[in-house]
Amino acid sequence: VPVDRVVNVSVTSRDVFHSIGVPELRAKADAIPSQTTTTWIEGSDPGATYTAECYELCGELHSYMTADVVVMSQDEFGSWYANTTGTEIDTGA
């Protein structure tokens, strides 16, 4: 995530209920099949890495549902994002 920028996050699920959260960034959203929920995150410490985890006991591979959330400068984020296959983002520019 770009430092000091609010990032809106939309989540859904194709199978069962999940609950994705990053406690250090005070973010949590329930992923509900066929519905979209939203939350936001904002990182203020460039270089910090946080762990996003699923907090809903969702199945056999539940404990492996993690992802890194890395806080980086806007330029670093732009370069990183240009090399992903993610959806479009609004840079606020």
Foldseek 3Di string as FASTA:
>chain_A
DEAQDKDKDKAADQPAWWWKDFVVQPDIDIHYHPDIDMDIGHHHDAQDKTKIATPDCTDDCRVVGIDIDHYHHPVVVVVVVVPDPDDDDDPVD
